[in-house]
């Protein structure tokens, strides 16, 4: 059974704000990145749309780091 706060691919915390009742009113980090559809298709069908991937498995760590940098 997939837990909403864990990555369905690796089991690590996925940092999904929607899975945490304390932060469910905030947009998830995944809303601000572009995830390659091939990454999602690589998941077994029963794991798709069950929980957020973690940034590492979603292959978006570089995108998140780029948005976290202050604009100078």
C-alpha atoms as a PDB file:
ATOM      1  CA  UNK A   1       0.000   0.000   0.000  1.00  0.00           C
ATOM      2  CA  UNK A   2       1.348   3.420  -0.984  1.00  0.00           C
ATOM      3  CA  UNK A   3       1.512   6.116   1.685  1.00  0.00           C
ATOM      4  CA  UNK A   4       0.792   9.670   0.426  1.00  0.00           C
ATOM      5  CA  UNK A   5       3.861  11.134   2.139  1.00  0.00           C
ATOM      6  CA  UNK A   6       6.333   8.610   0.674  1.00  0.00           C
ATOM      7  CA  UNK A   7       7.717   8.329  -2.843  1.00  0.00           C
ATOM      8  CA  UNK A   8       6.123   5.327  -4.569  1.00  0.00           C
ATOM      9  CA  UNK A   9       9.378   4.636  -6.435  1.00  0.00           C
ATOM     10  CA  UNK A  10      11.938   4.596  -3.607  1.00  0.00           C
ATOM     11  CA  UNK A  11       9.974   4.921  -0.339  1.00  0.00           C
ATOM     12  CA  UNK A  12      11.754   8.120   0.776  1.00  0.00           C
ATOM     13  CA  UNK A  13       9.792  11.132   2.074  1.00  0.00           C
ATOM     14  CA  UNK A  14       8.389  12.985  -0.933  1.00  0.00           C
ATOM     15  CA  UNK A  15       8.008  16.406   0.760  1.00  0.00           C
ATOM     16  CA  UNK A  16       4.437  16.657  -0.572  1.00  0.00           C
ATOM     17  CA  UNK A  17       2.669  19.541   1.151  1.00  0.00           C
ATOM     18  CA  UNK A  18      -0.714  18.101   0.182  1.00  0.00           C
ATOM     19  CA  UNK A  19       0.003  14.868   2.089  1.00  0.00           C
ATOM     20  CA  UNK A  20       0.591  16.760   5.351  1.00  0.00           C
ATOM     21  CA  UNK A  21      -2.581  18.138   6.961  1.00  0.00           C
ATOM     22  CA  UNK A  22      -0.530  21.001   8.448  1.00  0.00           C
ATOM     23  CA  UNK A  23       0.497  22.236   4.989  1.00  0.00           C
ATOM     24  CA  UNK A  24      -2.306  20.897   2.769  1.00  0.00           C
ATOM     25  CA  UNK A  25      -3.407  24.447   1.935  1.00  0.00           C
ATOM     26  CA  UNK A  26      -0.058  25.160   0.195  1.00  0.00           C
ATOM     27  CA  UNK A  27       0.945  24.228  -3.340  1.00  0.00           C
ATOM     28  CA  UNK A  28       3.225  21.219  -3.597  1.00  0.00           C
ATOM     29  CA  UNK A  29       6.774  21.628  -4.897  1.00  0.00           C
ATOM     30  CA  UNK A  30       5.782  19.541  -7.918  1.00  0.00           C
ATOM     31  CA  UNK A  31       3.491  22.318  -9.178  1.00  0.00           C
ATOM     32  CA  UNK A  32       6.533  24.441 -10.031  1.00  0.00           C
ATOM     33  CA  UNK A  33       8.536  21.885 -12.024  1.00  0.00           C
ATOM     34  CA  UNK A  34       8.211  19.981 -15.257  1.00  0.00           C
ATOM     35  CA  UNK A  35       8.326  16.197 -14.788  1.00  0.00           C
ATOM     36  CA  UNK A  36       9.187  14.170 -17.862  1.00  0.00           C
ATOM     37  CA  UNK A  37       6.150  11.998 -18.729  1.00  0.00           C
ATOM     38  CA  UNK A  38       8.537   9.079 -19.340  1.00  0.00           C
ATOM     39  CA  UNK A  39       9.468   9.137 -15.646  1.00  0.00           C
ATOM     40  CA  UNK A  40       5.816   8.721 -14.695  1.00  0.00           C
ATOM     41  CA  UNK A  41       5.218   6.047 -17.331  1.00  0.00           C
ATOM     42  CA  UNK A  42       8.155   4.063 -15.929  1.00  0.00           C
ATOM     43  CA  UNK A  43       6.222   3.537 -12.691  1.00  0.00           C
ATOM     44  CA  UNK A  44       4.107   0.406 -12.427  1.00  0.00           C
ATOM     45  CA  UNK A  45       0.478   1.271 -13.237  1.00  0.00           C
ATOM     46  CA  UNK A  46      -0.684   0.571  -9.673  1.00  0.00           C
ATOM     47  CA  UNK A  47       1.723   3.213  -8.295  1.00  0.00           C
ATOM     48  CA  UNK A  48       0.774   6.023 -10.699  1.00  0.00           C
ATOM     49  CA  UNK A  49      -1.359   8.802  -9.235  1.00  0.00           C
ATOM     50  CA  UNK A  50      -1.062   7.243  -5.764  1.00  0.00           C
ATOM     51  CA  UNK A  51       1.509   9.638  -4.264  1.00  0.00           C
ATOM     52  CA  UNK A  52       4.065  12.242  -5.309  1.00  0.00           C
ATOM     53  CA  UNK A  53       7.482  11.090  -6.379  1.00  0.00           C
ATOM     54  CA  UNK A  54      10.371  12.536  -4.407  1.00  0.00           C
ATOM     55  CA  UNK A  55      12.382  15.228  -6.258  1.00  0.00           C
ATOM     56  CA  UNK A  56      15.213  12.742  -6.908  1.00  0.00           C
ATOM     57  CA  UNK A  57      12.985  10.096  -8.503  1.00  0.00           C
ATOM     58  CA  UNK A  58      11.078  12.778 -10.414  1.00  0.00           C
ATOM     59  CA  UNK A  59      14.466  13.899 -11.762  1.00  0.00           C
ATOM     60  CA  UNK A  60      13.753  17.568 -10.968  1.00  0.00           C
ATOM     61  CA  UNK A  61      16.351  18.394  -8.311  1.00  0.00           C
ATOM     62  CA  UNK A  62      18.162  20.787 -10.673  1.00  0.00           C
ATOM     63  CA  UNK A  63      14.897  22.601 -11.427  1.00  0.00           C
ATOM     64  CA  UNK A  64      14.177  23.020  -7.722  1.00  0.00           C
ATOM     65  CA  UNK A  65      17.685  24.304  -7.030  1.00  0.00           C
ATOM     66  CA  UNK A  66      17.376  26.808  -9.879  1.00  0.00           C
ATOM     67  CA  UNK A  67      14.128  28.221  -8.480  1.00  0.00           C
ATOM     68  CA  UNK A  68      15.574  28.406  -4.967  1.00  0.00           C
ATOM     69  CA  UNK A  69      18.472  30.662  -6.033  1.00  0.00           C
ATOM     70  CA  UNK A  70      17.960  34.352  -5.365  1.00  0.00           C
ATOM     71  CA  UNK A  71      17.766  36.496  -8.471  1.00  0.00           C
ATOM     72  CA  UNK A  72      20.656  38.955  -8.613  1.00  0.00           C
END
